[in-house]
Structures are given as structure tokens and as C-alpha cells.
Protein backbone atom coordinates (compact mmCIF):
# COMPACT_ATOMS: atom_id res chain seq x y z
CA UNK A 1 213.23 122.79 133.85
CA UNK A 2 210.09 121.99 135.81
CA UNK A 3 208.51 124.93 137.62
CA UNK A 4 208.55 122.87 140.82
CA UNK A 5 212.29 122.18 140.59
CA UNK A 6 212.99 125.79 139.66
CA UNK A 7 210.93 126.96 142.63
CA UNK A 8 212.80 124.60 144.98
CA UNK A 9 216.22 125.66 143.70
CA UNK A 10 215.38 129.37 143.84
CA UNK A 11 214.19 129.21 147.45
CA UNK A 12 217.04 126.92 148.52
CA UNK A 13 219.51 129.51 147.22
CA UNK A 14 217.63 132.30 149.01
CA UNK A 15 217.76 130.19 152.18
CA UNK A 16 221.53 129.92 152.06
CA UNK A 17 221.91 133.64 151.28
CA UNK A 18 219.68 134.74 154.18
CA UNK A 19 222.53 136.01 156.36
CA UNK A 20 220.93 137.98 159.16
CA UNK A 21 217.45 136.60 158.61
CA UNK A 22 214.89 136.42 155.86
CA UNK A 23 214.62 140.18 155.50
CA UNK A 24 218.13 140.15 154.07
CA UNK A 25 216.97 138.36 150.91
CA UNK A 26 213.75 140.30 150.27
CA UNK A 27 215.14 142.35 147.35
CA UNK A 28 216.50 139.25 145.62
CA UNK A 29 213.31 137.30 146.40
CA UNK A 30 211.21 140.10 144.95
CA UNK A 31 213.33 140.16 141.77
CA UNK A 32 213.24 136.37 141.31
CA UNK A 33 209.50 136.23 141.86
CA UNK A 34 208.83 139.05 139.42
CA UNK A 35 211.15 137.83 136.66
CA UNK A 36 210.68 134.08 136.89
CA UNK A 37 207.28 133.43 138.46
CA UNK A 38 205.16 136.46 137.51
CA UNK A 39 204.55 137.76 141.04
CA UNK A 40 204.19 141.53 140.76
CA UNK A 41 205.74 143.96 143.25
CA UNK A 42 202.26 144.81 144.55
CA UNK A 43 201.43 141.13 145.11
CA UNK A 44 204.78 140.69 146.85
CA UNK A 45 204.12 143.62 149.18
CA UNK A 46 200.68 142.22 150.05
CA UNK A 47 202.13 138.79 150.78
CA UNK A 48 204.93 140.35 152.84
CA UNK A 49 202.41 142.44 154.81
CA UNK A 50 200.38 139.32 155.51
CA UNK A 51 203.52 137.61 156.77
CA UNK A 52 204.20 140.48 159.16
CA UNK A 53 200.75 140.25 160.69
CA UNK A 54 200.47 136.46 160.92
CA UNK A 55 201.59 134.86 164.17
CA UNK A 56 204.92 133.07 164.12
CA UNK A 57 208.01 133.77 162.05
CA UNK A 58 207.33 136.45 159.44
CA UNK A 59 209.14 134.49 156.73
CA UNK A 60 206.34 131.92 156.78
CA UNK A 61 205.03 134.27 154.09
CA UNK A 62 206.99 132.11 151.64
CA UNK A 63 204.21 129.55 152.04
CA UNK A 64 201.76 132.03 150.53
CA UNK A 65 204.17 132.64 147.65
CA UNK A 66 204.52 128.92 146.96
CA UNK A 67 200.76 128.49 147.21
CA UNK A 68 200.13 131.30 144.75
CA UNK A 69 202.57 129.78 142.24
CA UNK A 70 201.73 126.05 142.50
CA UNK A 71 199.03 125.53 145.12
CA UNK A 72 199.59 123.24 148.11
CA UNK A 73 202.45 121.45 146.38
CA UNK A 74 204.23 124.75 145.78
CA UNK A 75 203.69 125.79 149.41
CA UNK A 76 205.21 122.53 150.64
CA UNK A 77 208.18 122.72 148.30
CA UNK A 78 208.90 126.33 149.22
CA UNK A 79 208.56 125.57 152.93
CA UNK A 80 211.15 122.79 152.75
CA UNK A 81 213.50 124.49 150.31
CA UNK A 82 213.52 127.82 152.18
CA UNK A 83 213.87 126.55 155.74
CA UNK A 84 215.71 123.22 155.47
CA UNK A 85 219.05 124.29 153.87
CA UNK A 86 219.64 127.17 156.27
CA UNK A 87 218.58 125.03 159.24
CA UNK A 88 221.06 122.31 158.33
CA UNK A 89 223.78 124.90 157.72
CA UNK A 90 223.08 126.60 161.07
CA UNK A 91 223.16 123.27 162.88
CA UNK A 92 226.60 122.34 161.60
CA UNK A 93 228.05 125.85 161.74
CA UNK A 94 226.72 126.17 165.30
CA UNK A 95 228.52 123.00 166.34
CA UNK A 96 231.73 124.24 164.74
CA UNK A 97 231.21 127.70 166.24
CA UNK A 98 231.10 126.31 169.76
CA UNK A 99 234.47 124.66 169.23
CA UNK A 100 236.04 128.07 168.64
CA UNK A 101 235.09 129.17 172.16
CA UNK A 102 236.45 132.64 172.79
CA UNK A 103 238.95 132.53 169.95
CA UNK A 104 239.93 135.90 168.42
CA UNK A 105 238.86 134.47 165.05
CA UNK A 106 235.32 133.96 166.30
CA UNK A 107 235.01 137.56 167.44
CA UNK A 108 236.56 138.81 164.18
CA UNK A 109 234.06 136.84 162.09
CA UNK A 110 231.15 138.05 164.22
CA UNK A 111 232.31 141.66 163.92
CA UNK A 112 232.60 141.29 160.13
CA UNK A 113 229.15 139.73 159.74
CA UNK A 114 227.28 142.31 161.82
CA UNK A 115 227.45 145.24 159.33
CA UNK A 116 226.81 142.86 156.44
CA UNK A 117 223.66 141.57 158.13
CA UNK A 118 222.47 145.07 158.97
CA UNK A 119 223.09 146.24 155.40
CA UNK A 120 221.22 143.28 153.93
CA UNK A 121 218.27 143.83 156.26
CA UNK A 122 218.23 147.55 155.41
CA UNK A 123 218.15 146.69 151.70
CA UNK A 124 215.15 144.44 152.39
CA UNK A 125 213.34 147.25 154.18
CA UNK A 126 214.19 149.61 151.31
CA UNK A 127 212.86 147.15 148.70
CA UNK A 128 209.54 146.72 150.49
CA UNK A 129 209.26 150.46 151.16
CA UNK A 130 210.03 151.31 147.54
CA UNK A 131 207.28 149.00 146.32
CA UNK A 132 204.82 150.13 149.02
CA UNK A 133 205.22 153.90 149.00
CA UNK A 134 203.58 154.87 145.75
CA UNK A 135 201.82 158.15 146.58
CA UNK A 136 201.89 161.01 149.06
CA UNK A 137 199.20 159.20 151.08
CA UNK A 138 201.25 156.04 151.44
CA UNK A 139 204.35 158.11 152.29
CA UNK A 140 202.47 159.98 155.03
CA UNK A 141 201.05 156.75 156.42
CA UNK A 142 204.49 155.11 156.38
CA UNK A 143 206.03 158.04 158.28
CA UNK A 144 203.21 158.16 160.85
CA UNK A 145 203.43 154.39 161.30
CA UNK A 146 207.20 154.55 161.75
CA UNK A 147 206.83 157.35 164.30
CA UNK A 148 204.17 155.47 166.29
CA UNK A 149 206.16 152.25 166.31
CA UNK A 150 209.36 153.98 167.43
CA UNK A 151 207.91 156.49 169.90
CA UNK A 152 204.91 154.77 171.53
CA UNK A 153 204.24 151.50 173.27
CA UNK A 154 201.28 150.67 171.04
CA UNK A 155 201.43 147.13 169.73
CA UNK A 156 202.89 147.36 166.19
CA UNK A 157 200.20 144.99 164.89
CA UNK A 158 197.52 147.52 165.82
CA UNK A 159 199.52 150.38 164.32
CA UNK A 160 199.98 148.49 161.04
CA UNK A 161 196.33 147.39 160.90
CA UNK A 162 195.14 150.91 161.70
CA UNK A 163 197.42 152.41 159.09
CA UNK A 164 196.23 149.91 156.51
CA UNK A 165 192.58 150.63 157.32
CA UNK A 166 193.05 154.40 157.19
CA UNK A 167 195.01 154.08 153.96
CA UNK A 168 192.29 151.97 152.34
CA UNK A 169 189.62 154.49 153.37
CA UNK A 170 191.66 157.49 152.21
CA UNK A 171 192.48 155.94 148.86
CA UNK A 172 188.85 154.85 148.35
CA UNK A 173 187.40 158.27 149.17
CA UNK A 174 190.03 160.25 147.28
CA UNK A 175 189.59 158.08 144.18
CA UNK A 176 185.84 158.77 144.35
CA UNK A 177 186.54 162.50 144.40
CA UNK A 178 185.09 163.12 147.86
């Protein structure tokens, strides 16, 4: 099968599975990219981090993945295959959803999907954290970053950039033996 077709099918499937948002499919995306397209966990974490800092939806990071695999063509294919299926599904499900009004079935389905979505998003956070926290330094930086984001009103972009800068300096100086 052509790499382009395989890329399109893989991201279309991830699109449909993204219940609760793109974060929900991060573990599966990471596995598919590692096993089928040669994207290492470190590369994935770097691409994900870039997606978090870039303006707009964070899942636009899939463009960088497509670009890394097949250049501009890959970026275009991934963009369409990741966003189009779920958009079409949401459009039609949304129309159907409105017909239910305040039906008890609607509330039951919403109540059932909430913990599933939260669990899938938590697994995405775990997958990225597991690949990112590789030493005591990165663990300390992750904990400090989490604390600052939860307990202060500092813009998370500045916290993440500062943490990344401090981490790069610490790792550089500690690897030099200073």
C-alpha cells in the first residue's frame, strides 16, 4: 500500500476515534507513528510541544507530522484526513443531537461519554508525559511547570517556554560536567 494512502487511512481512523478531542488519540497516534512511519517518541514529543505553543488548535501539529513523513503532500493529506472525517461526523451527529432535545436518552449518552472522554484525554497526557519525563531534571521541571500553571495566573505559554529554556540550559551544563 502506498505510504500516502496508509497515512490518509491512519489519520482518518484517528480522526473518528478522537472522542473528547485530539488529546484522546495521542497514545494511539504515537504508537502508529513509531511502528509504521518511523517517528520516534522524542520526535513526537517535540512535534506535540510545538503544537501546544503554536497559535490555533493544538492538533494542527498533525501538519508537522505529515510534513516530516512526506513533505507538503503529506501535510495536506494528514490535514484533510485528520480533520475532515470528524468534522463531517460532528455535523451530522449535531443535527441528529438537536432533534433529541431534552430527551432522557440524550442526557444518558452525554453522561456515559464524559468519563470516557476524560479517561482518553488522561491517557494522552500520560503518553506524552511518559515520553517527556526521562530524568530527574525533566521530572522536576514538569512538576514546577504543573504547579505554576495550576496555582498562578502566568500565561502557560511563558511557563512552558521558560521551563523549556531552563531545561535546555540545565541539561547542557550538567552534560558538560559544570
